Amino acid sequence: KISFALSEIRYFSQGGPNIPQNWKTHYLIKEPAFWLSHKQLEEGVITMEKSPLYTGSYCNAAKNMVQVLPNVKLVMILRNPWERAYSAFMHHCGRQRAFDRMEADGTIHPKGKVLCNADSFDQILRYFMKHIPMNRTVASLLSDFEAADECFQFQEYFNDSSRVFPRSIYSVPLMEFLKVYDKQQLVVVTNDDLIHRPFEMMNRIQHHLKIPHFEYSKPGFTKTLKNGKTVIAHQSEGFQTKADHSYEKMSKNARQILSEWYRADLELMKEMFPHLNSTINRWIKDKG
């Protein structure tokens, strides 16, 4: 049995200095489903939550988390970084969040006045590439991180509008987690593999979590799509194609620029997690 928080808790990236003292109260108030009763503990129920910001360049999350959850099992699901940045822009722009200081020529838009389309994303990207201090690349940022004694705070480099780009840098927050957690506590999979090889990936995650095996391919838990592909039942056609059809595609120029900018980070990820090499190589190769 699993009890899980439906919302993004974000506690360990936003919980403040008194993590050990107030984390239980926070969870009880915000997401009581996360906190297990004595009866649930006796029955072997496990609990989980999901907060993407823990790996979204919030490097203190790992240090905060290990104070109260030293034996936690971690599952990281990664997406093509430039697709993630584009999706994040569309998500936040559509909700009128913080996109108010944007264009490369210095034009400032009030919140909610930026059009949520590929042209606006290209404007933000030009602004980002022009205003990164000393034209910093991912490679130089990673070099600074490795030389720093304290956690390197990426968010200091970027304004609200361009924050979607550093949050797709994966190696830095993962290095922070591996400083305080054993690598055996962490499993890293990609969104691509979950879509195209769902049964294999779910079995891998179950094994990592040491929970009883559930056969997702049994009748009643799968469905066959129009293309003949069998997927987990809740994984609808809309889920698989949402990124392509809920908004216009990213421009080819933006894809090419960002694929080069993230290249150093992805190469480092291949060294850290060799089992991701095939998927990452496909990301690097696919620029159009």
Protein backbone atom coordinates (compact mmCIF):
# COMPACT_ATOMS: atom_id res chain seq x y z
CA LYS A 1 0.00 0.00 0.00
CA ILE A 2 1.16 3.50 -0.81
CA SER A 3 -0.05 6.82 0.62
CA PHE A 4 1.06 9.84 -1.36
CA ALA A 5 0.76 13.61 -1.47
CA LEU A 6 -1.27 14.81 -4.45
CA SER A 7 0.26 18.29 -4.55
CA GLU A 8 3.87 19.41 -4.91
CA ILE A 9 5.10 19.87 -1.34
CA ARG A 10 8.40 21.69 -2.12
CA TYR A 11 9.16 21.71 1.57
CA PHE A 12 12.84 20.83 1.42
CA SER A 13 13.56 23.59 -1.09
CA GLN A 14 11.47 26.20 0.74
CA GLY A 15 11.25 25.00 4.32
CA GLY A 16 13.62 27.52 5.89
CA PRO A 17 16.33 26.96 8.50
CA ASN A 18 14.36 24.88 11.03
CA ILE A 19 13.92 21.82 8.85
CA PRO A 20 14.15 19.15 11.60
CA GLN A 21 11.85 21.06 13.96
CA ASN A 22 8.94 22.00 11.71
CA TRP A 23 8.81 19.52 8.85
CA LYS A 24 6.27 17.20 10.50
CA THR A 25 3.89 20.08 11.21
CA HIS A 26 4.26 21.32 7.62
CA TYR A 27 3.34 17.96 6.14
CA LEU A 28 0.48 17.35 8.55
CA ILE A 29 -1.07 20.70 7.64
CA LYS A 30 -0.39 20.81 3.89
CA GLU A 31 -0.56 17.13 2.93
CA PRO A 32 -1.81 14.85 5.72
CA ALA A 33 -1.81 11.89 3.30
CA PHE A 34 2.00 11.99 3.36
CA TRP A 35 2.18 11.49 7.11
CA LEU A 36 1.50 7.88 8.16
CA SER A 37 -0.45 6.82 11.22
CA HIS A 38 0.87 4.18 13.63
CA LYS A 39 -1.58 1.70 12.13
CA GLN A 40 -0.33 2.39 8.61
CA LEU A 41 3.25 1.95 9.76
CA GLU A 42 2.37 -1.40 11.31
CA GLU A 43 0.70 -2.44 8.04
CA GLY A 44 3.83 -1.58 6.05
CA VAL A 45 2.32 1.34 4.15
CA ILE A 46 4.94 3.52 2.46
CA THR A 47 4.56 7.22 1.70
CA MET A 48 5.78 9.42 -1.12
CA GLU A 49 5.65 12.94 -2.48
CA LYS A 50 6.69 14.63 -5.72
CA SER A 51 8.37 18.03 -5.96
CA PRO A 52 10.25 18.83 -9.20
CA LEU A 53 11.86 21.87 -7.56
CA TYR A 54 14.07 19.57 -5.49
CA THR A 55 16.13 19.11 -8.65
CA GLY A 56 15.24 22.43 -10.24
CA SER A 57 18.50 24.14 -9.29
CA TYR A 58 17.48 24.42 -5.65
CA CYS A 59 20.69 22.95 -4.35
CA ASN A 60 19.83 23.08 -0.63
CA ALA A 61 17.03 20.54 -1.02
CA ALA A 62 19.32 17.54 -0.59
CA LYS A 63 21.02 18.99 2.50
CA ASN A 64 17.65 19.78 4.05
CA MET A 65 16.12 16.43 3.18
CA VAL A 66 18.90 14.24 4.56
CA GLN A 67 18.47 15.82 8.01
CA VAL A 68 15.10 14.15 8.49
CA LEU A 69 14.95 11.48 5.75
CA PRO A 70 18.40 9.83 5.66
CA ASN A 71 17.04 6.50 4.38
CA VAL A 72 14.66 7.82 1.74
CA LYS A 73 14.43 6.24 -1.70
CA LEU A 74 14.70 8.78 -4.53
CA VAL A 75 13.26 8.56 -8.04
CA MET A 76 14.38 11.18 -10.56
CA ILE A 77 12.46 11.44 -13.85
CA LEU A 78 14.26 13.60 -16.40
CA ARG A 79 13.09 15.11 -19.66
CA ASN A 80 14.95 16.42 -22.69
CA PRO A 81 16.25 19.69 -21.14
CA TRP A 82 15.30 22.10 -23.93
CA GLU A 83 11.88 20.52 -24.25
CA ARG A 84 11.50 20.90 -20.50
CA ALA A 85 12.50 24.58 -20.67
CA TYR A 86 10.02 25.24 -23.48
CA SER A 87 7.24 23.37 -21.69
CA ALA A 88 8.00 25.28 -18.47
CA PHE A 89 7.79 28.60 -20.32
CA MET A 90 4.41 27.69 -21.81
CA HIS A 91 3.17 26.43 -18.44
CA HIS A 92 4.17 29.52 -16.45
CA CYS A 93 3.34 31.98 -19.23
CA GLY A 94 -0.15 30.54 -19.52
CA ARG A 95 -0.61 31.15 -15.80
CA GLN A 96 0.75 34.71 -16.07
CA ARG A 97 3.70 34.00 -13.81
CA ALA A 98 6.63 36.40 -13.74
CA PHE A 99 7.12 36.92 -17.48
CA ASP A 100 7.30 40.68 -17.28
CA ARG A 101 10.79 41.92 -18.13
CA MET A 102 11.67 40.18 -21.24
CA GLU A 103 12.63 41.19 -24.72
CA ALA A 104 16.22 41.47 -25.91
CA ASP A 105 15.68 45.13 -26.84
CA GLY A 106 14.78 45.90 -23.22
CA THR A 107 11.00 46.13 -23.67
CA ILE A 108 9.17 45.35 -20.43
CA HIS A 109 5.80 43.61 -20.51
CA PRO A 110 3.33 43.64 -17.61
CA LYS A 111 2.49 40.19 -16.31
CA GLY A 112 0.02 38.42 -18.52
CA LYS A 113 0.79 40.56 -21.59
CA VAL A 114 3.38 38.21 -23.09
CA LEU A 115 2.01 36.00 -25.85
CA CYS A 116 2.57 32.34 -25.03
CA ASN A 117 4.07 31.22 -28.32
CA ALA A 118 7.34 30.19 -29.93
CA ASP A 119 8.24 33.78 -30.88
CA SER A 120 8.01 34.92 -27.26
CA PHE A 121 10.18 31.99 -26.20
CA ASP A 122 12.76 32.98 -28.83
CA GLN A 123 12.77 36.54 -27.44
CA ILE A 124 13.42 35.22 -23.94
CA LEU A 125 16.17 32.98 -25.24
CA ARG A 126 17.88 35.90 -26.99
CA TYR A 127 17.61 37.94 -23.79
CA PHE A 128 19.01 35.03 -21.80
CA MET A 129 21.98 34.44 -24.10
CA LYS A 130 22.75 38.17 -24.17
CA HIS A 131 22.56 38.79 -20.43
CA ILE A 132 24.17 35.73 -18.85
CA PRO A 133 27.09 37.23 -16.86
CA MET A 134 30.26 37.01 -18.95
CA ASN A 135 28.32 34.96 -21.52
CA ARG A 136 28.40 31.98 -19.20
CA THR A 137 27.89 28.57 -20.72
CA VAL A 138 26.74 25.47 -18.91
CA ALA A 139 30.34 24.21 -19.06
CA SER A 140 31.69 27.30 -17.26
CA LEU A 141 28.87 27.25 -14.72
CA LEU A 142 29.61 23.59 -13.94
CA SER A 143 33.30 24.43 -13.58
CA ASP A 144 32.45 27.10 -11.00
CA PHE A 145 30.19 24.69 -9.17
CA GLU A 146 32.86 22.02 -8.92
CA ALA A 147 35.34 24.56 -7.55
CA ALA A 148 32.97 26.05 -4.99
CA ASP A 149 33.00 25.06 -1.32
CA GLU A 150 29.31 25.78 -0.88
CA CYS A 151 26.34 24.92 -3.02
CA PHE A 152 26.45 26.97 -6.21
CA GLN A 153 23.24 28.97 -6.48
CA PHE A 154 22.28 29.09 -10.14
CA GLN A 155 19.28 31.30 -9.52
CA GLU A 156 21.59 34.23 -8.74
CA TYR A 157 22.50 34.33 -12.43
CA PHE A 158 19.03 34.65 -13.89
CA ASN A 159 15.97 36.87 -13.72
CA ASP A 160 12.47 35.48 -13.29
CA SER A 161 11.85 35.36 -17.01
CA SER A 162 14.83 33.19 -17.88
CA ARG A 163 14.61 30.86 -14.89
CA VAL A 164 13.23 28.11 -17.12
CA PHE A 165 16.71 27.54 -18.57
CA PRO A 166 18.86 26.79 -15.48
CA ARG A 167 16.17 24.51 -14.07
CA SER A 168 16.90 22.10 -16.91
CA ILE A 169 20.51 21.69 -15.76
CA TYR A 170 20.40 18.26 -14.18
CA SER A 171 23.92 17.34 -13.09
CA VAL A 172 24.31 20.05 -10.44
CA PRO A 173 21.32 19.18 -8.21
CA LEU A 174 22.01 15.47 -8.72
CA MET A 175 25.60 15.96 -7.58
CA GLU A 176 24.21 17.64 -4.48
CA PHE A 177 22.03 14.62 -3.74
CA LEU A 178 24.94 12.24 -4.28
CA LYS A 179 27.02 14.21 -1.77
CA VAL A 180 24.63 13.28 1.04
CA TYR A 181 22.91 10.11 -0.22
CA ASP A 182 24.30 6.79 -1.35
CA LYS A 183 23.90 6.24 -5.09
CA GLN A 184 21.97 3.05 -4.31
CA GLN A 185 19.18 5.23 -2.87
CA LEU A 186 18.68 6.94 -6.22
CA VAL A 187 17.20 5.70 -9.48
CA VAL A 188 17.21 7.96 -12.53
CA VAL A 189 14.93 7.35 -15.51
CA THR A 190 13.81 9.51 -18.40
CA ASN A 191 10.38 10.62 -19.48
CA ASP A 192 11.12 9.16 -22.91
CA ASP A 193 11.72 5.70 -21.48
CA LEU A 194 8.58 5.87 -19.33
CA ILE A 195 6.56 6.63 -22.44
CA HIS A 196 8.15 4.12 -24.79
CA ARG A 197 9.06 1.35 -22.29
CA PRO A 198 6.57 1.86 -19.45
CA PHE A 199 6.45 -1.71 -18.13
CA GLU A 200 10.24 -2.07 -17.96
CA MET A 201 10.63 1.31 -16.29
CA MET A 202 7.88 0.72 -13.74
CA ASN A 203 9.41 -2.65 -12.88
CA ARG A 204 12.79 -0.94 -12.38
CA ILE A 205 11.24 1.65 -10.08
CA GLN A 206 9.38 -1.01 -8.08
CA HIS A 207 12.61 -2.95 -7.64
CA HIS A 208 14.40 0.19 -6.48
CA LEU A 209 11.68 1.00 -3.96
CA LYS A 210 11.64 -2.62 -2.75
CA ILE A 211 7.87 -2.78 -2.97
CA PRO A 212 5.91 -5.88 -4.01
CA HIS A 213 5.92 -6.38 -7.75
CA PHE A 214 2.79 -5.25 -9.56
CA GLU A 215 2.21 -6.60 -13.06
CA TYR A 216 1.14 -3.54 -15.02
CA SER A 217 0.70 -5.52 -18.22
CA LYS A 218 -2.16 -7.62 -16.82
CA PRO A 219 -5.62 -7.23 -18.41
CA GLY A 220 -7.52 -4.21 -17.15
CA PHE A 221 -4.38 -2.14 -16.59
CA THR A 222 -3.38 -1.69 -20.22
CA LYS A 223 -4.92 -0.25 -23.35
CA THR A 224 -4.06 -0.47 -27.02
CA LEU A 225 -3.67 2.81 -28.91
CA LYS A 226 -4.63 3.45 -32.52
CA ASN A 227 -1.03 2.87 -33.58
CA GLY A 228 -1.13 -0.61 -32.05
CA LYS A 229 1.10 0.28 -29.09
CA THR A 230 0.16 -1.15 -25.70
CA VAL A 231 0.52 1.28 -22.78
CA ILE A 232 -0.49 1.51 -19.14
CA ALA A 233 -4.20 2.32 -19.04
CA HIS A 234 -3.97 5.87 -17.67
CA GLN A 235 -1.31 6.72 -20.27
CA SER A 236 -3.63 8.06 -22.94
CA GLU A 237 -2.80 9.26 -26.43
CA GLY A 238 -3.18 12.81 -25.16
CA PHE A 239 -0.54 12.18 -22.50
CA GLN A 240 1.97 11.01 -25.08
CA THR A 241 1.39 13.84 -27.54
CA LYS A 242 0.49 16.73 -25.24
CA ALA A 243 3.89 18.42 -25.57
CA ASP A 244 3.56 18.48 -29.36
CA HIS A 245 -0.07 19.48 -29.76
CA SER A 246 -1.14 21.64 -26.82
CA TYR A 247 1.02 24.50 -28.17
CA GLU A 248 3.07 25.20 -31.25
CA LYS A 249 6.45 23.57 -31.63
CA MET A 250 9.65 25.25 -30.52
CA SER A 251 11.55 26.93 -33.35
CA LYS A 252 14.40 24.99 -34.92
CA ASN A 253 16.80 27.83 -34.08
CA ALA A 254 15.91 27.69 -30.37
CA ARG A 255 16.35 23.91 -30.33
CA GLN A 256 19.79 24.19 -31.91
CA ILE A 257 20.97 26.93 -29.55
CA LEU A 258 19.78 25.14 -26.42
CA SER A 259 20.98 21.71 -27.48
CA GLU A 260 24.49 23.15 -27.69
CA TRP A 261 24.12 25.10 -24.45
CA TYR A 262 23.05 22.00 -22.50
CA ARG A 263 25.63 19.74 -24.16
CA ALA A 264 28.22 19.92 -21.35
CA ASP A 265 25.60 19.09 -18.74
CA LEU A 266 24.33 16.13 -20.74
CA GLU A 267 27.84 14.78 -21.29
CA LEU A 268 28.40 14.92 -17.55
CA MET A 269 25.09 13.15 -16.96
CA LYS A 270 26.27 10.35 -19.25
CA GLU A 271 29.34 9.91 -17.06
CA MET A 272 27.31 9.94 -13.86
CA PHE A 273 24.55 7.61 -15.13
CA PRO A 274 25.82 5.46 -18.04
CA HIS A 275 22.47 3.69 -18.41
CA LEU A 276 21.05 6.98 -19.75
CA ASN A 277 23.57 7.20 -22.60
CA SER A 278 21.28 5.93 -25.34
CA THR A 279 18.47 8.35 -24.51
CA ILE A 280 20.81 11.32 -23.98
CA ASN A 281 22.62 10.62 -27.27
CA ARG A 282 19.25 10.67 -28.99
CA TRP A 283 18.47 14.03 -27.39
CA ILE A 284 21.80 15.47 -28.53
CA LYS A 285 21.33 14.15 -32.05
CA ASP A 286 17.76 15.39 -32.41
CA LYS A 287 18.07 19.17 -32.86
CA GLY A 288 15.29 19.69 -35.32
